[in-house]
Full PDB file with SEQRES, HELIX, SHEET, SSBOND, CRYST1, ORIGX, SCALE, CONECT and MASTER records, all heavy atoms in Angstrom:
SEQRES   1 A   32  GLN LYS LYS ASP GLY SER ILE SER LEU VAL GLU THR ALA          
SEQRES   2 A   32  SER GLU LEU PRO THR PHE ALA ALA PHE ALA ARG SER LEU          
SEQRES   3 A   32  GLY VAL THR GLN VAL GLN                                      
HELIX    1 AA1 PHE A   19  LEU A   26  1                                   8    
CRYST1    1.000    1.000    1.000  90.00  90.00  90.00 P 1           1          
ORIGX1      1.000000  0.000000  0.000000        0.00000                         
ORIGX2      0.000000  1.000000  0.000000        0.00000                         
ORIGX3      0.000000  0.000000  1.000000        0.00000                         
SCALE1      1.000000  0.000000  0.000000        0.00000                         
SCALE2      0.000000  1.000000  0.000000        0.00000                         
SCALE3      0.000000  0.000000  1.000000        0.00000                         
ATOM      1  N   GLN A   1      25.894  -0.891   0.406  1.00  0.00           N  
ATOM      2  CA  GLN A   1      27.321  -0.764   0.716  1.00  0.00           C  
ATOM      3  C   GLN A   1      28.061  -1.933   0.083  1.00  0.00           C  
ATOM      4  O   GLN A   1      27.717  -3.092   0.258  1.00  0.00           O  
ATOM      5  CB  GLN A   1      27.543  -0.751   2.216  1.00  0.00           C  
ATOM      6  CG  GLN A   1      28.984  -0.484   2.584  1.00  0.00           C  
ATOM      7  CD  GLN A   1      29.154  -0.240   4.081  1.00  0.00           C  
ATOM      8  OE1 GLN A   1      28.226  -0.416   4.857  1.00  0.00           O  
ATOM      9  NE2 GLN A   1      30.350   0.138   4.465  1.00  0.00           N  
ATOM     10  N   LYS A   2      29.096  -1.588  -0.677  1.00  0.00           N  
ATOM     11  CA  LYS A   2      29.900  -2.617  -1.345  1.00  0.00           C  
ATOM     12  C   LYS A   2      30.926  -3.178  -0.374  1.00  0.00           C  
ATOM     13  O   LYS A   2      31.134  -2.640   0.713  1.00  0.00           O  
ATOM     14  CB  LYS A   2      30.611  -2.001  -2.560  1.00  0.00           C  
ATOM     15  CG  LYS A   2      29.651  -1.526  -3.638  1.00  0.00           C  
ATOM     16  CD  LYS A   2      30.432  -0.953  -4.802  1.00  0.00           C  
ATOM     17  CE  LYS A   2      29.512  -0.476  -5.905  1.00  0.00           C  
ATOM     18  NZ  LYS A   2      30.263   0.081  -7.020  1.00  0.00           N  
ATOM     19  N   LYS A   3      31.630  -4.237  -0.793  1.00  0.00           N  
ATOM     20  CA  LYS A   3      32.635  -4.865   0.051  1.00  0.00           C  
ATOM     21  C   LYS A   3      33.784  -3.924   0.380  1.00  0.00           C  
ATOM     22  O   LYS A   3      34.371  -3.999   1.444  1.00  0.00           O  
ATOM     23  CB  LYS A   3      33.187  -6.133  -0.621  1.00  0.00           C  
ATOM     24  CG  LYS A   3      32.180  -7.250  -0.671  1.00  0.00           C  
ATOM     25  CD  LYS A   3      32.781  -8.477  -1.313  1.00  0.00           C  
ATOM     26  CE  LYS A   3      31.768  -9.594  -1.379  1.00  0.00           C  
ATOM     27  NZ  LYS A   3      32.286 -10.799  -1.991  1.00  0.00           N  
ATOM     28  N   ASP A   4      34.082  -3.018  -0.564  1.00  0.00           N  
ATOM     29  CA  ASP A   4      35.185  -2.087  -0.328  1.00  0.00           C  
ATOM     30  C   ASP A   4      34.789  -0.907   0.563  1.00  0.00           C  
ATOM     31  O   ASP A   4      35.588  -0.019   0.829  1.00  0.00           O  
ATOM     32  CB  ASP A   4      35.767  -1.582  -1.646  1.00  0.00           C  
ATOM     33  CG  ASP A   4      34.764  -0.750  -2.450  1.00  0.00           C  
ATOM     34  OD1 ASP A   4      33.603  -0.563  -2.003  1.00  0.00           O  
ATOM     35  OD2 ASP A   4      35.140  -0.298  -3.544  1.00  0.00           O  
ATOM     36  N   GLY A   5      33.529  -0.886   1.023  1.00  0.00           N  
ATOM     37  CA  GLY A   5      33.071   0.178   1.919  1.00  0.00           C  
ATOM     38  C   GLY A   5      32.374   1.332   1.206  1.00  0.00           C  
ATOM     39  O   GLY A   5      31.757   2.165   1.857  1.00  0.00           O  
ATOM     40  N   SER A   6      32.477   1.394  -0.090  1.00  0.00           N  
ATOM     41  CA  SER A   6      31.812   2.479  -0.816  1.00  0.00           C  
ATOM     42  C   SER A   6      30.314   2.219  -0.886  1.00  0.00           C  
ATOM     43  O   SER A   6      29.840   1.100  -0.753  1.00  0.00           O  
ATOM     44  CB  SER A   6      32.397   2.612  -2.224  1.00  0.00           C  
ATOM     45  OG  SER A   6      32.123   1.457  -2.973  1.00  0.00           O  
ATOM     46  N   ILE A   7      29.575   3.296  -1.085  1.00  0.00           N  
ATOM     47  CA  ILE A   7      28.118   3.226  -1.153  1.00  0.00           C  
ATOM     48  C   ILE A   7      27.693   3.370  -2.606  1.00  0.00           C  
ATOM     49  O   ILE A   7      28.170   4.231  -3.332  1.00  0.00           O  
ATOM     50  CB  ILE A   7      27.464   4.350  -0.321  1.00  0.00           C  
ATOM     51  CG1 ILE A   7      27.948   4.299   1.122  1.00  0.00           C  
ATOM     52  CG2 ILE A   7      25.958   4.335  -0.447  1.00  0.00           C  
ATOM     53  CD1 ILE A   7      27.105   3.521   2.067  1.00  0.00           C  
ATOM     54  N   SER A   8      26.760   2.524  -3.011  1.00  0.00           N  
ATOM     55  CA  SER A   8      26.231   2.571  -4.365  1.00  0.00           C  
ATOM     56  C   SER A   8      24.709   2.737  -4.281  1.00  0.00           C  
ATOM     57  O   SER A   8      24.074   2.200  -3.367  1.00  0.00           O  
ATOM     58  CB  SER A   8      26.576   1.269  -5.086  1.00  0.00           C  
ATOM     59  OG  SER A   8      25.982   1.228  -6.344  1.00  0.00           O  
ATOM     60  N   LEU A   9      24.137   3.473  -5.206  1.00  0.00           N  
ATOM     61  CA  LEU A   9      22.690   3.634  -5.246  1.00  0.00           C  
ATOM     62  C   LEU A   9      22.118   2.645  -6.251  1.00  0.00           C  
ATOM     63  O   LEU A   9      22.569   2.538  -7.381  1.00  0.00           O  
ATOM     64  CB  LEU A   9      22.318   5.065  -5.661  1.00  0.00           C  
ATOM     65  CG  LEU A   9      22.781   6.157  -4.731  1.00  0.00           C  
ATOM     66  CD1 LEU A   9      22.393   7.529  -5.292  1.00  0.00           C  
ATOM     67  CD2 LEU A   9      22.211   5.983  -3.347  1.00  0.00           C  
ATOM     68  N   VAL A  10      21.088   1.915  -5.818  1.00  0.00           N  
ATOM     69  CA  VAL A  10      20.440   0.917  -6.671  1.00  0.00           C  
ATOM     70  C   VAL A  10      18.991   1.310  -6.840  1.00  0.00           C  
ATOM     71  O   VAL A  10      18.286   1.568  -5.868  1.00  0.00           O  
ATOM     72  CB  VAL A  10      20.553  -0.494  -6.056  1.00  0.00           C  
ATOM     73  CG1 VAL A  10      19.805  -1.513  -6.892  1.00  0.00           C  
ATOM     74  CG2 VAL A  10      22.000  -0.898  -5.887  1.00  0.00           C  
ATOM     75  N   GLU A  11      18.571   1.365  -8.106  1.00  0.00           N  
ATOM     76  CA  GLU A  11      17.184   1.728  -8.420  1.00  0.00           C  
ATOM     77  C   GLU A  11      16.398   0.465  -8.726  1.00  0.00           C  
ATOM     78  O   GLU A  11      16.815  -0.366  -9.523  1.00  0.00           O  
ATOM     79  CB  GLU A  11      17.183   2.659  -9.633  1.00  0.00           C  
ATOM     80  CG  GLU A  11      15.868   3.291  -9.911  1.00  0.00           C  
ATOM     81  CD  GLU A  11      15.982   4.305 -11.020  1.00  0.00           C  
ATOM     82  OE1 GLU A  11      16.597   5.375 -10.806  1.00  0.00           O  
ATOM     83  OE2 GLU A  11      15.470   4.019 -12.116  1.00  0.00           O  
ATOM     84  N   THR A  12      15.233   0.333  -8.074  1.00  0.00           N  
ATOM     85  CA  THR A  12      14.374  -0.839  -8.277  1.00  0.00           C  
ATOM     86  C   THR A  12      12.985  -0.366  -8.643  1.00  0.00           C  
ATOM     87  O   THR A  12      12.417   0.495  -7.969  1.00  0.00           O  
ATOM     88  CB  THR A  12      14.287  -1.668  -6.980  1.00  0.00           C  
ATOM     89  OG1 THR A  12      15.600  -1.954  -6.519  1.00  0.00           O  
ATOM     90  CG2 THR A  12      13.530  -2.962  -7.204  1.00  0.00           C  
ATOM     91  N   ALA A  13      12.435  -0.910  -9.720  1.00  0.00           N  
ATOM     92  CA  ALA A  13      11.084  -0.569 -10.145  1.00  0.00           C  
ATOM     93  C   ALA A  13      10.063  -1.042  -9.125  1.00  0.00           C  
ATOM     94  O   ALA A  13      10.188  -2.144  -8.578  1.00  0.00           O  
ATOM     95  CB  ALA A  13      10.787  -1.171 -11.505  1.00  0.00           C  
ATOM     96  N   SER A  14       9.067  -0.221  -8.853  1.00  0.00           N  
ATOM     97  CA  SER A  14       7.968  -0.640  -7.998  1.00  0.00           C  
ATOM     98  C   SER A  14       7.115  -1.630  -8.755  1.00  0.00           C  
ATOM     99  O   SER A  14       7.126  -1.669  -9.995  1.00  0.00           O  
ATOM    100  CB  SER A  14       7.099   0.553  -7.615  1.00  0.00           C  
ATOM    101  OG  SER A  14       7.810   1.485  -6.856  1.00  0.00           O  
ATOM    102  N   GLU A  15       6.365  -2.428  -8.035  1.00  0.00           N  
ATOM    103  CA  GLU A  15       5.452  -3.359  -8.674  1.00  0.00           C  
ATOM    104  C   GLU A  15       4.377  -2.543  -9.389  1.00  0.00           C  
ATOM    105  O   GLU A  15       3.791  -1.624  -8.814  1.00  0.00           O  
ATOM    106  CB  GLU A  15       4.826  -4.261  -7.627  1.00  0.00           C  
ATOM    107  CG  GLU A  15       3.983  -5.355  -8.204  1.00  0.00           C  
ATOM    108  CD  GLU A  15       3.486  -6.320  -7.134  1.00  0.00           C  
ATOM    109  OE1 GLU A  15       4.263  -6.664  -6.238  1.00  0.00           O  
ATOM    110  OE2 GLU A  15       2.319  -6.716  -7.227  1.00  0.00           O  
ATOM    111  N   LEU A  16       4.150  -2.835 -10.654  1.00  0.00           N  
ATOM    112  CA  LEU A  16       3.158  -2.111 -11.443  1.00  0.00           C  
ATOM    113  C   LEU A  16       1.755  -2.449 -10.939  1.00  0.00           C  
ATOM    114  O   LEU A  16       1.339  -3.605 -10.988  1.00  0.00           O  
ATOM    115  CB  LEU A  16       3.280  -2.470 -12.923  1.00  0.00           C  
ATOM    116  CG  LEU A  16       2.377  -1.715 -13.889  1.00  0.00           C  
ATOM    117  CD1 LEU A  16       2.749  -0.247 -13.944  1.00  0.00           C  
ATOM    118  CD2 LEU A  16       2.467  -2.322 -15.284  1.00  0.00           C  
ATOM    119  N   PRO A  17       1.024  -1.468 -10.407  1.00  0.00           N  
ATOM    120  CA  PRO A  17      -0.331  -1.769  -9.921  1.00  0.00           C  
ATOM    121  C   PRO A  17      -1.256  -2.103 -11.086  1.00  0.00           C  
ATOM    122  O   PRO A  17      -1.181  -1.473 -12.138  1.00  0.00           O  
ATOM    123  CB  PRO A  17      -0.754  -0.493  -9.204  1.00  0.00           C  
ATOM    124  CG  PRO A  17       0.127   0.582  -9.742  1.00  0.00           C  
ATOM    125  CD  PRO A  17       1.377  -0.067 -10.230  1.00  0.00           C  
ATOM    126  N   THR A  18      -2.113  -3.083 -10.879  1.00  0.00           N  
ATOM    127  CA  THR A  18      -3.045  -3.495 -11.919  1.00  0.00           C  
ATOM    128  C   THR A  18      -4.464  -3.563 -11.337  1.00  0.00           C  
ATOM    129  O   THR A  18      -4.649  -3.655 -10.118  1.00  0.00           O  
ATOM    130  CB  THR A  18      -2.700  -4.886 -12.475  1.00  0.00           C  
ATOM    131  OG1 THR A  18      -2.794  -5.848 -11.417  1.00  0.00           O  
ATOM    132  CG2 THR A  18      -1.300  -4.911 -13.076  1.00  0.00           C  
ATOM    133  N   PHE A  19      -5.435  -3.516 -12.234  1.00  0.00           N  
ATOM    134  CA  PHE A  19      -6.826  -3.636 -11.784  1.00  0.00           C  
ATOM    135  C   PHE A  19      -7.105  -5.034 -11.260  1.00  0.00           C  
ATOM    136  O   PHE A  19      -7.928  -5.208 -10.370  1.00  0.00           O  
ATOM    137  CB  PHE A  19      -7.776  -3.258 -12.931  1.00  0.00           C  
ATOM    138  CG  PHE A  19      -7.886  -1.771 -13.113  1.00  0.00           C  
ATOM    139  CD1 PHE A  19      -6.988  -1.092 -13.910  1.00  0.00           C  
ATOM    140  CD2 PHE A  19      -8.873  -1.054 -12.458  1.00  0.00           C  
ATOM    141  CE1 PHE A  19      -7.062   0.280 -14.057  1.00  0.00           C  
ATOM    142  CE2 PHE A  19      -8.961   0.324 -12.608  1.00  0.00           C  
ATOM    143  CZ  PHE A  19      -8.057   0.998 -13.416  1.00  0.00           C  
ATOM    144  N   ALA A  20      -6.412  -6.028 -11.791  1.00  0.00           N  
ATOM    145  CA  ALA A  20      -6.575  -7.395 -11.282  1.00  0.00           C  
ATOM    146  C   ALA A  20      -6.136  -7.472  -9.832  1.00  0.00           C  
ATOM    147  O   ALA A  20      -6.795  -8.104  -9.000  1.00  0.00           O  
ATOM    148  CB  ALA A  20      -5.785  -8.375 -12.146  1.00  0.00           C  
ATOM    149  N   ALA A  21      -5.002  -6.838  -9.515  1.00  0.00           N  
ATOM    150  CA  ALA A  21      -4.510  -6.862  -8.127  1.00  0.00           C  
ATOM    151  C   ALA A  21      -5.435  -6.075  -7.209  1.00  0.00           C  
ATOM    152  O   ALA A  21      -5.687  -6.493  -6.072  1.00  0.00           O  
ATOM    153  CB  ALA A  21      -3.098  -6.293  -8.067  1.00  0.00           C  
ATOM    154  N   PHE A  22      -5.969  -4.952  -7.699  1.00  0.00           N  
ATOM    155  CA  PHE A  22      -6.902  -4.175  -6.868  1.00  0.00           C  
ATOM    156  C   PHE A  22      -8.180  -4.975  -6.622  1.00  0.00           C  
ATOM    157  O   PHE A  22      -8.674  -5.016  -5.501  1.00  0.00           O  
ATOM    158  CB  PHE A  22      -7.228  -2.832  -7.523  1.00  0.00           C  
ATOM    159  CG  PHE A  22      -8.194  -2.012  -6.712  1.00  0.00           C  
ATOM    160  CD1 PHE A  22      -7.813  -1.429  -5.513  1.00  0.00           C  
ATOM    161  CD2 PHE A  22      -9.506  -1.838  -7.143  1.00  0.00           C  
ATOM    162  CE1 PHE A  22      -8.705  -0.701  -4.750  1.00  0.00           C  
ATOM    163  CE2 PHE A  22     -10.407  -1.103  -6.392  1.00  0.00           C  
ATOM    164  CZ  PHE A  22     -10.005  -0.525  -5.196  1.00  0.00           C  
ATOM    165  N   ALA A  23      -8.695  -5.621  -7.660  1.00  0.00           N  
ATOM    166  CA  ALA A  23      -9.905  -6.448  -7.497  1.00  0.00           C  
ATOM    167  C   ALA A  23      -9.651  -7.548  -6.472  1.00  0.00           C  
ATOM    168  O   ALA A  23     -10.495  -7.805  -5.609  1.00  0.00           O  
ATOM    169  CB  ALA A  23     -10.314  -7.039  -8.844  1.00  0.00           C  
ATOM    170  N   ARG A  24      -8.494  -8.181  -6.563  1.00  0.00           N  
ATOM    171  CA  ARG A  24      -8.142  -9.247  -5.616  1.00  0.00           C  
ATOM    172  C   ARG A  24      -8.080  -8.701  -4.194  1.00  0.00           C  
ATOM    173  O   ARG A  24      -8.512  -9.362  -3.246  1.00  0.00           O  
ATOM    174  CB  ARG A  24      -6.817  -9.888  -6.032  1.00  0.00           C  
ATOM    175  CG  ARG A  24      -6.450 -11.122  -5.229  1.00  0.00           C  
ATOM    176  CD  ARG A  24      -5.204 -11.833  -5.748  1.00  0.00           C  
ATOM    177  NE  ARG A  24      -4.062 -10.960  -5.898  1.00  0.00           N  
ATOM    178  CZ  ARG A  24      -3.495 -10.627  -7.048  1.00  0.00           C  
ATOM    179  NH1 ARG A  24      -3.961 -11.095  -8.173  1.00  0.00           N  
ATOM    180  NH2 ARG A  24      -2.449  -9.824  -7.089  1.00  0.00           N  
ATOM    181  N   SER A  25      -7.585  -7.470  -4.013  1.00  0.00           N  
ATOM    182  CA  SER A  25      -7.485  -6.891  -2.674  1.00  0.00           C  
ATOM    183  C   SER A  25      -8.864  -6.641  -2.063  1.00  0.00           C  
ATOM    184  O   SER A  25      -9.014  -6.659  -0.845  1.00  0.00           O  
ATOM    185  CB  SER A  25      -6.673  -5.589  -2.699  1.00  0.00           C  
ATOM    186  OG  SER A  25      -7.432  -4.533  -3.248  1.00  0.00           O  
ATOM    187  N   LEU A  26      -9.865  -6.415  -2.916  1.00  0.00           N  
ATOM    188  CA  LEU A  26     -11.235  -6.228  -2.424  1.00  0.00           C  
ATOM    189  C   LEU A  26     -12.010  -7.534  -2.319  1.00  0.00           C  
ATOM    190  O   LEU A  26     -13.067  -7.594  -1.708  1.00  0.00           O  
ATOM    191  CB  LEU A  26     -12.017  -5.289  -3.351  1.00  0.00           C  
ATOM    192  CG  LEU A  26     -11.610  -3.824  -3.388  1.00  0.00           C  
ATOM    193  CD1 LEU A  26     -12.495  -3.063  -4.371  1.00  0.00           C  
ATOM    194  CD2 LEU A  26     -11.680  -3.192  -2.015  1.00  0.00           C  
ATOM    195  N   GLY A  27     -11.488  -8.563  -2.987  1.00  0.00           N  
ATOM    196  CA  GLY A  27     -12.188  -9.846  -3.005  1.00  0.00           C  
ATOM    197  C   GLY A  27     -13.265  -9.898  -4.073  1.00  0.00           C  
ATOM    198  O   GLY A  27     -14.267 -10.595  -3.915  1.00  0.00           O  
ATOM    199  N   VAL A  28     -13.071  -9.147  -5.165  1.00  0.00           N  
ATOM    200  CA  VAL A  28     -14.018  -9.130  -6.272  1.00  0.00           C  
ATOM    201  C   VAL A  28     -13.279  -9.470  -7.565  1.00  0.00           C  
ATOM    202  O   VAL A  28     -12.085  -9.747  -7.538  1.00  0.00           O  
ATOM    203  CB  VAL A  28     -14.727  -7.762  -6.406  1.00  0.00           C  
ATOM    204  CG1 VAL A  28     -15.536  -7.453  -5.155  1.00  0.00           C  
ATOM    205  CG2 VAL A  28     -13.760  -6.648  -6.693  1.00  0.00           C  
ATOM    206  N   THR A  29     -13.980  -9.398  -8.682  1.00  0.00           N  
ATOM    207  CA  THR A  29     -13.369  -9.670  -9.977  1.00  0.00           C  
ATOM    208  C   THR A  29     -13.215  -8.379 -10.775  1.00  0.00           C  
ATOM    209  O   THR A  29     -13.832  -7.365 -10.449  1.00  0.00           O  
ATOM    210  CB  THR A  29     -14.236 -10.644 -10.799  1.00  0.00           C  
ATOM    211  OG1 THR A  29     -15.499 -10.000 -11.073  1.00  0.00           O  
ATOM    212  CG2 THR A  29     -14.456 -11.953 -10.067  1.00  0.00           C  
ATOM    213  N   GLN A  30     -12.424  -8.439 -11.831  1.00  0.00           N  
ATOM    214  CA  GLN A  30     -12.274  -7.287 -12.707  1.00  0.00           C  
ATOM    215  C   GLN A  30     -13.594  -6.949 -13.398  1.00  0.00           C  
ATOM    216  O   GLN A  30     -13.864  -5.789 -13.677  1.00  0.00           O  
ATOM    217  CB  GLN A  30     -11.202  -7.555 -13.775  1.00  0.00           C  
ATOM    218  CG  GLN A  30      -9.797  -7.580 -13.212  1.00  0.00           C  
ATOM    219  CD  GLN A  30      -8.776  -7.718 -14.317  1.00  0.00           C  
ATOM    220  OE1 GLN A  30      -8.544  -6.771 -15.036  1.00  0.00           O  
ATOM    221  NE2 GLN A  30      -8.184  -8.902 -14.429  1.00  0.00           N  
ATOM    222  N   VAL A  31     -14.401  -7.950 -13.653  1.00  0.00           N  
ATOM    223  CA  VAL A  31     -15.705  -7.730 -14.277  1.00  0.00           C  
ATOM    224  C   VAL A  31     -16.555  -6.842 -13.370  1.00  0.00           C  
ATOM    225  O   VAL A  31     -17.220  -5.912 -13.825  1.00  0.00           O  
ATOM    226  CB  VAL A  31     -16.413  -9.073 -14.565  1.00  0.00           C  
ATOM    227  CG1 VAL A  31     -17.848  -8.860 -15.010  1.00  0.00           C  
ATOM    228  CG2 VAL A  31     -15.642  -9.863 -15.593  1.00  0.00           C  
ATOM    229  N   GLN A  32     -16.504  -7.108 -12.072  1.00  0.00           N  
ATOM    230  CA  GLN A  32     -17.276  -6.285 -11.143  1.00  0.00           C  
ATOM    231  C   GLN A  32     -16.753  -4.856 -11.105  1.00  0.00           C  
ATOM    232  O   GLN A  32     -17.531  -3.909 -11.050  1.00  0.00           O  
ATOM    233  CB  GLN A  32     -17.269  -6.908  -9.748  1.00  0.00           C  
ATOM    234  CG  GLN A  32     -18.293  -6.262  -8.828  1.00  0.00           C  
ATOM    235  CD  GLN A  32     -18.533  -7.070  -7.577  1.00  0.00           C  
ATOM    236  OE1 GLN A  32     -17.920  -8.099  -7.348  1.00  0.00           O  
ATOM    237  NE2 GLN A  32     -19.432  -6.587  -6.755  1.00  0.00           N  
TER     238      GLN A  32                                                      
MASTER        0    0    0    1    0    0    0    6  237    1    0    3          
END                                                                             
């Protein structure tokens, strides 16, 4: 909601999932 009361739609990119992040979530390495 803007200051004037109108509503605006804002698009935000999701975080790009990576194998490094998945490995970290399991507590292992990408090599594993």
